[in-house]
Amino acid sequence: MHKEKGENLQLKQQLEHNNKIIEQLQKSTKTVYVAKERPFTKLSGRPEKDKDPIISDWLEDAREHLVTIPDDEKANIDFLMQNLISPAKDEIRLRPFLERDSAAKNVAFDS
């Protein structure tokens, strides 16, 4: 009987430990949403090569992809930032926080 209590306590402690690990993983895991029809091209700014996307086309594609993401502003911003490369990403990072706190502001959807 005493041995069972010790085993139960050990199992309870292991369960608590596992739950803490799961919580930490859930906090650190990023969800990435990309429409399955075609891969999303990363934007660096002005096109320099023939294969680089034109900004207006990229914005149109971004709007289409953002529709596939559930209403989660952080997920929208993460998606956009994952699909920008320097210098476009640097431009967004250097903006004041209030100018980059939404996906719409980040890619100038409002303009």
N, C-alpha and C. Protein backbone atom coordinates (compact mmCIF):
# COMPACT_ATOMS: atom_id res chain seq x y z
N MET A 1 0.83 -1.20 0.00
CA MET A 1 0.00 0.00 0.00
C MET A 1 0.87 1.26 0.00
N HIS A 2 1.90 1.24 0.83
CA HIS A 2 2.80 2.38 0.91
C HIS A 2 3.56 2.55 -0.41
N LYS A 3 3.87 1.42 -1.05
CA LYS A 3 4.57 1.45 -2.33
C LYS A 3 3.69 2.06 -3.42
N GLU A 4 2.38 1.77 -3.38
CA GLU A 4 1.45 2.32 -4.38
C GLU A 4 1.37 3.84 -4.26
N LYS A 5 1.36 4.37 -3.03
CA LYS A 5 1.32 5.82 -2.84
C LYS A 5 2.56 6.47 -3.45
N GLY A 6 3.71 5.85 -3.23
CA GLY A 6 4.94 6.38 -3.79
C GLY A 6 4.91 6.37 -5.31
N GLU A 7 4.38 5.29 -5.90
CA GLU A 7 4.27 5.21 -7.36
C GLU A 7 3.28 6.24 -7.89
N ASN A 8 2.16 6.41 -7.17
CA ASN A 8 1.16 7.40 -7.58
C ASN A 8 1.73 8.81 -7.53
N LEU A 9 2.50 9.09 -6.46
CA LEU A 9 3.12 10.39 -6.34
C LEU A 9 4.11 10.63 -7.48
N GLN A 10 4.88 9.61 -7.79
CA GLN A 10 5.86 9.71 -8.88
C GLN A 10 5.16 9.93 -10.22
N LEU A 11 4.06 9.20 -10.45
CA LEU A 11 3.30 9.38 -11.69
C LEU A 11 2.70 10.78 -11.76
N LYS A 12 2.20 11.27 -10.62
CA LYS A 12 1.62 12.61 -10.58
C LYS A 12 2.67 13.67 -10.90
N GLN A 13 3.86 13.52 -10.33
CA GLN A 13 4.94 14.46 -10.59
C GLN A 13 5.36 14.41 -12.05
N GLN A 14 5.43 13.22 -12.63
CA GLN A 14 5.80 13.07 -14.03
C GLN A 14 4.75 13.73 -14.93
N LEU A 15 3.47 13.55 -14.58
CA LEU A 15 2.38 14.17 -15.35
C LEU A 15 2.48 15.69 -15.28
N GLU A 16 2.73 16.24 -14.09
CA GLU A 16 2.87 17.69 -13.95
C GLU A 16 4.05 18.20 -14.79
N HIS A 17 5.14 17.46 -14.73
CA HIS A 17 6.33 17.82 -15.52
C HIS A 17 6.01 17.82 -17.02
N ASN A 18 5.33 16.77 -17.48
CA ASN A 18 4.96 16.67 -18.90
C ASN A 18 4.03 17.81 -19.30
N ASN A 19 3.09 18.16 -18.42
CA ASN A 19 2.16 19.26 -18.73
C ASN A 19 2.90 20.59 -18.85
N LYS A 20 3.91 20.81 -18.01
CA LYS A 20 4.71 22.04 -18.10
C LYS A 20 5.47 22.09 -19.42
N ILE A 21 6.01 20.96 -19.84
CA ILE A 21 6.73 20.90 -21.11
C ILE A 21 5.79 21.19 -22.26
N ILE A 22 4.60 20.60 -22.22
CA ILE A 22 3.59 20.84 -23.27
C ILE A 22 3.22 22.31 -23.33
N GLU A 23 3.01 22.95 -22.16
CA GLU A 23 2.70 24.38 -22.13
C GLU A 23 3.80 25.22 -22.76
N GLN A 24 5.05 24.89 -22.44
CA GLN A 24 6.17 25.64 -23.00
C GLN A 24 6.25 25.47 -24.51
N LEU A 25 6.00 24.26 -24.99
CA LEU A 25 6.03 24.02 -26.43
C LEU A 25 4.92 24.78 -27.14
N GLN A 26 3.75 24.81 -26.52
CA GLN A 26 2.63 25.52 -27.13
C GLN A 26 2.91 27.01 -27.20
N LYS A 27 3.59 27.56 -26.21
CA LYS A 27 3.91 28.98 -26.21
C LYS A 27 4.97 29.32 -27.25
N SER A 28 5.90 28.42 -27.47
CA SER A 28 7.01 28.71 -28.37
C SER A 28 6.76 28.27 -29.82
N THR A 29 5.70 27.55 -30.07
CA THR A 29 5.43 27.04 -31.40
C THR A 29 4.70 28.10 -32.22
N LYS A 30 5.18 28.35 -33.41
CA LYS A 30 4.52 29.28 -34.32
C LYS A 30 3.70 28.48 -35.32
N THR A 31 2.52 28.98 -35.60
CA THR A 31 1.69 28.37 -36.62
C THR A 31 1.90 29.12 -37.92
N VAL A 32 2.16 28.40 -38.98
CA VAL A 32 2.37 29.00 -40.28
C VAL A 32 1.25 28.53 -41.20
N TYR A 33 0.58 29.48 -41.84
CA TYR A 33 -0.50 29.16 -42.76
C TYR A 33 -0.09 29.56 -44.17
N VAL A 34 -0.18 28.64 -45.09
CA VAL A 34 0.09 28.92 -46.49
C VAL A 34 -0.97 28.18 -47.31
N ALA A 35 -1.62 28.90 -48.21
CA ALA A 35 -2.61 28.25 -49.07
C ALA A 35 -1.92 27.16 -49.88
N LYS A 36 -2.60 26.06 -50.08
CA LYS A 36 -1.99 24.90 -50.72
C LYS A 36 -1.91 25.02 -52.25
N GLU A 37 -2.63 25.95 -52.84
CA GLU A 37 -2.66 26.04 -54.29
C GLU A 37 -1.28 26.24 -54.90
N ARG A 38 -0.46 27.07 -54.28
CA ARG A 38 0.87 27.35 -54.82
C ARG A 38 1.74 27.90 -53.69
N PRO A 39 3.03 27.75 -53.82
CA PRO A 39 3.91 28.29 -52.77
C PRO A 39 3.91 29.81 -52.80
N PHE A 40 4.15 30.39 -51.66
CA PHE A 40 4.16 31.84 -51.54
C PHE A 40 5.59 32.34 -51.71
N THR A 41 5.79 33.31 -52.60
CA THR A 41 7.11 33.85 -52.90
C THR A 41 7.49 34.89 -51.86
N LYS A 42 8.71 34.86 -51.40
CA LYS A 42 9.19 35.85 -50.44
C LYS A 42 9.49 37.16 -51.16
N LEU A 43 9.24 38.26 -50.47
CA LEU A 43 9.43 39.59 -51.03
C LEU A 43 10.63 40.26 -50.37
N SER A 44 11.50 40.80 -51.21
CA SER A 44 12.66 41.53 -50.67
C SER A 44 12.54 43.03 -50.90
N GLY A 45 11.62 43.44 -51.69
CA GLY A 45 11.46 44.86 -52.03
C GLY A 45 11.32 44.99 -53.53
N ARG A 46 12.04 45.93 -54.10
CA ARG A 46 11.99 46.13 -55.55
C ARG A 46 12.56 44.90 -56.26
N PRO A 47 11.92 44.48 -57.32
CA PRO A 47 12.43 43.31 -58.06
C PRO A 47 13.80 43.62 -58.69
N GLU A 48 14.73 42.71 -58.49
CA GLU A 48 16.06 42.86 -59.09
C GLU A 48 16.32 41.79 -60.14
N LYS A 49 15.67 40.65 -59.97
CA LYS A 49 15.82 39.55 -60.92
C LYS A 49 14.46 39.29 -61.56
N ASP A 50 14.47 38.58 -62.68
CA ASP A 50 13.22 38.27 -63.37
C ASP A 50 12.26 37.47 -62.50
N LYS A 51 12.80 36.62 -61.62
CA LYS A 51 11.94 35.76 -60.81
C LYS A 51 11.42 36.47 -59.55
N ASP A 52 11.93 37.66 -59.23
CA ASP A 52 11.47 38.41 -58.06
C ASP A 52 10.04 38.90 -58.29
N PRO A 53 9.20 38.82 -57.26
CA PRO A 53 7.81 39.26 -57.44
C PRO A 53 7.70 40.78 -57.53
N ILE A 54 6.73 41.23 -58.28
CA ILE A 54 6.39 42.65 -58.34
C ILE A 54 5.58 42.94 -57.09
N ILE A 55 5.84 44.06 -56.45
CA ILE A 55 5.23 44.35 -55.16
C ILE A 55 3.70 44.30 -55.22
N SER A 56 3.10 44.87 -56.23
CA SER A 56 1.63 44.86 -56.32
C SER A 56 1.09 43.44 -56.44
N ASP A 57 1.79 42.59 -57.19
CA ASP A 57 1.37 41.18 -57.30
C ASP A 57 1.54 40.46 -55.96
N TRP A 58 2.64 40.73 -55.27
CA TRP A 58 2.89 40.11 -53.98
C TRP A 58 1.81 40.50 -52.98
N LEU A 59 1.43 41.80 -52.99
CA LEU A 59 0.38 42.27 -52.07
C LEU A 59 -0.94 41.57 -52.36
N GLU A 60 -1.26 41.40 -53.62
CA GLU A 60 -2.49 40.71 -53.99
C GLU A 60 -2.47 39.26 -53.50
N ASP A 61 -1.33 38.58 -53.71
CA ASP A 61 -1.18 37.21 -53.23
C ASP A 61 -1.25 37.15 -51.70
N ALA A 62 -0.65 38.14 -51.03
CA ALA A 62 -0.67 38.17 -49.57
C ALA A 62 -2.11 38.28 -49.06
N ARG A 63 -2.90 39.14 -49.69
CA ARG A 63 -4.31 39.27 -49.29
C ARG A 63 -5.04 37.93 -49.42
N GLU A 64 -4.79 37.22 -50.52
CA GLU A 64 -5.42 35.91 -50.72
C GLU A 64 -5.00 34.91 -49.65
N HIS A 65 -3.73 34.91 -49.30
CA HIS A 65 -3.24 33.99 -48.29
C HIS A 65 -3.76 34.36 -46.90
N LEU A 66 -3.83 35.65 -46.59
CA LEU A 66 -4.30 36.07 -45.27
C LEU A 66 -5.74 35.65 -45.01
N VAL A 67 -6.52 35.54 -46.07
CA VAL A 67 -7.91 35.10 -45.92
C VAL A 67 -7.97 33.66 -45.39
N THR A 68 -6.95 32.87 -45.68
CA THR A 68 -6.94 31.46 -45.25
C THR A 68 -6.53 31.30 -43.79
N ILE A 69 -6.06 32.38 -43.17
CA ILE A 69 -5.64 32.33 -41.77
C ILE A 69 -6.82 32.72 -40.88
N PRO A 70 -7.07 31.94 -39.84
CA PRO A 70 -8.16 32.31 -38.92
C PRO A 70 -7.92 33.71 -38.36
N ASP A 71 -8.96 34.32 -37.81
CA ASP A 71 -8.87 35.68 -37.28
C ASP A 71 -7.90 35.74 -36.10
N ASP A 72 -6.64 35.86 -36.43
CA ASP A 72 -5.58 35.92 -35.43
C ASP A 72 -4.52 36.88 -35.95
N GLU A 73 -4.52 38.09 -35.41
CA GLU A 73 -3.63 39.13 -35.92
C GLU A 73 -2.17 38.74 -35.79
N LYS A 74 -1.81 38.08 -34.70
CA LYS A 74 -0.42 37.66 -34.52
C LYS A 74 -0.02 36.66 -35.61
N ALA A 75 -0.90 35.73 -35.93
CA ALA A 75 -0.61 34.76 -37.00
C ALA A 75 -0.48 35.46 -38.34
N ASN A 76 -1.30 36.48 -38.58
CA ASN A 76 -1.20 37.24 -39.83
C ASN A 76 0.15 37.95 -39.92
N ILE A 77 0.56 38.60 -38.84
CA ILE A 77 1.84 39.32 -38.83
C ILE A 77 2.98 38.33 -39.00
N ASP A 78 2.92 37.20 -38.27
CA ASP A 78 3.97 36.17 -38.40
C ASP A 78 4.09 35.67 -39.83
N PHE A 79 2.95 35.43 -40.47
CA PHE A 79 2.95 34.97 -41.86
C PHE A 79 3.65 35.97 -42.76
N LEU A 80 3.29 37.23 -42.61
CA LEU A 80 3.89 38.26 -43.46
C LEU A 80 5.39 38.39 -43.21
N MET A 81 5.79 38.40 -41.95
CA MET A 81 7.21 38.55 -41.64
C MET A 81 8.02 37.35 -42.11
N GLN A 82 7.43 36.17 -42.10
CA GLN A 82 8.13 34.97 -42.58
C GLN A 82 8.32 35.01 -44.09
N ASN A 83 7.51 35.82 -44.76
CA ASN A 83 7.58 35.87 -46.22
C ASN A 83 8.19 37.16 -46.74
N LEU A 84 8.86 37.89 -45.85
CA LEU A 84 9.64 39.06 -46.24
C LEU A 84 11.11 38.75 -45.98
N ILE A 85 11.97 39.23 -46.85
CA ILE A 85 13.40 39.13 -46.61
C ILE A 85 13.99 40.52 -46.74
N SER A 86 15.18 40.70 -46.19
CA SER A 86 15.81 42.03 -46.24
C SER A 86 15.89 42.51 -47.67
N PRO A 87 15.71 43.76 -47.93
CA PRO A 87 15.48 44.90 -47.08
C PRO A 87 14.02 45.15 -46.71
N ALA A 88 13.07 44.43 -47.31
CA ALA A 88 11.65 44.64 -47.00
C ALA A 88 11.37 44.34 -45.53
N LYS A 89 11.95 43.26 -45.00
CA LYS A 89 11.75 42.90 -43.60
C LYS A 89 12.35 43.97 -42.69
N ASP A 90 13.52 44.49 -43.05
CA ASP A 90 14.15 45.53 -42.24
C ASP A 90 13.29 46.79 -42.20
N GLU A 91 12.68 47.12 -43.32
CA GLU A 91 11.83 48.31 -43.36
C GLU A 91 10.67 48.18 -42.37
N ILE A 92 10.07 47.01 -42.30
CA ILE A 92 8.96 46.78 -41.36
C ILE A 92 9.48 46.83 -39.93
N ARG A 93 10.59 46.18 -39.66
CA ARG A 93 11.15 46.15 -38.30
C ARG A 93 11.52 47.53 -37.79
N LEU A 94 11.92 48.43 -38.67
CA LEU A 94 12.36 49.76 -38.25
C LEU A 94 11.20 50.74 -38.04
N ARG A 95 10.00 50.35 -38.43
CA ARG A 95 8.85 51.22 -38.21
C ARG A 95 8.50 51.25 -36.73
N PRO A 96 7.92 52.38 -36.25
CA PRO A 96 7.45 52.40 -34.86
C PRO A 96 6.40 51.30 -34.65
N PHE A 97 6.33 50.77 -33.44
CA PHE A 97 5.44 49.64 -33.15
C PHE A 97 4.00 49.90 -33.59
N LEU A 98 3.49 51.09 -33.33
CA LEU A 98 2.09 51.38 -33.67
C LEU A 98 1.84 51.39 -35.18
N GLU A 99 2.89 51.47 -35.97
CA GLU A 99 2.74 51.42 -37.42
C GLU A 99 2.91 50.01 -37.96
N ARG A 100 3.24 49.05 -37.09
CA ARG A 100 3.44 47.68 -37.57
C ARG A 100 2.73 46.65 -36.71
N ASP A 101 1.72 47.10 -35.95
CA ASP A 101 1.04 46.19 -35.04
C ASP A 101 -0.13 45.42 -35.69
N SER A 102 -0.28 45.58 -36.99
CA SER A 102 -1.30 44.79 -37.70
C SER A 102 -0.80 44.44 -39.09
N ALA A 103 -1.33 43.35 -39.62
CA ALA A 103 -0.94 42.93 -40.95
C ALA A 103 -1.29 43.99 -41.98
N ALA A 104 -2.43 44.62 -41.81
CA ALA A 104 -2.87 45.65 -42.76
C ALA A 104 -1.88 46.80 -42.81
N LYS A 105 -1.38 47.21 -41.66
CA LYS A 105 -0.41 48.32 -41.64
C LYS A 105 0.93 47.87 -42.21
N ASN A 106 1.32 46.63 -41.95
CA ASN A 106 2.62 46.15 -42.39
C ASN A 106 2.77 46.16 -43.91
N VAL A 107 1.73 45.88 -44.61
CA VAL A 107 1.84 45.84 -46.07
C VAL A 107 1.00 46.94 -46.72
N ALA A 108 0.67 47.93 -45.95
CA ALA A 108 -0.03 49.12 -46.45
C ALA A 108 -1.32 48.76 -47.17
N PHE A 109 -2.12 47.87 -46.58
CA PHE A 109 -3.42 47.53 -47.16
C PHE A 109 -4.37 48.72 -47.12
N ASP A 110 -4.16 49.59 -46.12
CA ASP A 110 -5.07 50.72 -45.93
C ASP A 110 -4.91 51.79 -46.99
N SER A 111 -3.78 51.78 -47.70
CA SER A 111 -3.54 52.87 -48.66
C SER A 111 -4.15 52.56 -50.01
